Amino acid sequence: MKCEICKKKIEETFLKKILGTYVKNGKGKKHAVCFECQKKFPSKEELLKQL
């Protein structure tokens, strides 16, 4: 799976969970975001602006 902001591959645990998070936009669509982009953009609003 790739980060939708920086397009890098998101690492997964052995149970296939991502090391990052999912952010829902206003329409309810989920976007995968990596850990590094989470650190750069701490609030949900900033993350959604970058998408």
Protein backbone atom coordinates (compact mmCIF):
# COMPACT_ATOMS: atom_id res chain seq x y z
CA MET A 1 0.00 0.00 0.00
CA LYS A 2 1.24 3.51 -0.78
CA CYS A 3 0.87 6.81 1.06
CA GLU A 4 -1.52 9.10 -0.81
CA ILE A 5 0.52 12.22 0.06
CA CYS A 6 4.17 11.29 -0.59
CA LYS A 7 3.54 8.12 -2.70
CA LYS A 8 6.06 6.04 -0.67
CA LYS A 9 5.30 2.44 0.26
CA ILE A 10 3.78 2.08 3.73
CA GLU A 11 5.35 -0.64 5.88
CA GLU A 12 3.09 -3.37 7.27
CA THR A 13 3.24 -5.51 10.39
CA PHE A 14 3.16 -9.30 10.20
CA LEU A 15 -0.64 -9.13 10.61
CA LYS A 16 -0.89 -6.88 7.51
CA LYS A 17 -1.72 -3.75 9.51
CA ILE A 18 -0.15 -0.56 8.17
CA LEU A 19 2.35 1.55 10.13
CA GLY A 20 0.40 4.72 9.57
CA THR A 21 -3.25 5.66 9.60
CA TYR A 22 -6.36 6.09 7.53
CA VAL A 23 -7.99 9.52 7.20
CA LYS A 24 -11.60 9.90 6.09
CA ASN A 25 -12.59 12.87 3.97
CA GLY A 26 -16.00 14.57 4.04
CA LYS A 27 -17.54 12.01 1.70
CA GLY A 28 -16.36 9.07 3.83
CA LYS A 29 -13.57 7.83 1.55
CA LYS A 30 -10.53 6.46 3.41
CA HIS A 31 -7.03 7.65 2.50
CA ALA A 32 -3.89 5.84 3.70
CA VAL A 33 -1.20 8.09 5.20
CA CYS A 34 2.30 7.02 6.28
CA PHE A 35 3.88 7.72 9.67
CA GLU A 36 6.27 10.38 8.29
CA CYS A 37 3.45 12.41 6.74
CA GLN A 38 1.51 12.14 9.99
CA LYS A 39 4.46 13.78 11.77
CA LYS A 40 4.67 16.58 9.16
CA PHE A 41 0.94 17.36 9.23
CA PRO A 42 -0.37 16.74 12.77
CA SER A 43 -4.03 17.70 12.28
CA LYS A 44 -6.66 15.99 10.16
CA GLU A 45 -7.42 19.22 8.29
CA GLU A 46 -3.77 19.66 7.25
CA LEU A 47 -3.63 16.07 6.00
CA LEU A 48 -6.78 16.50 3.92
CA LYS A 49 -5.41 19.71 2.35
CA GLN A 50 -2.36 17.79 1.11
CA LEU A 51 -4.51 15.17 -0.66
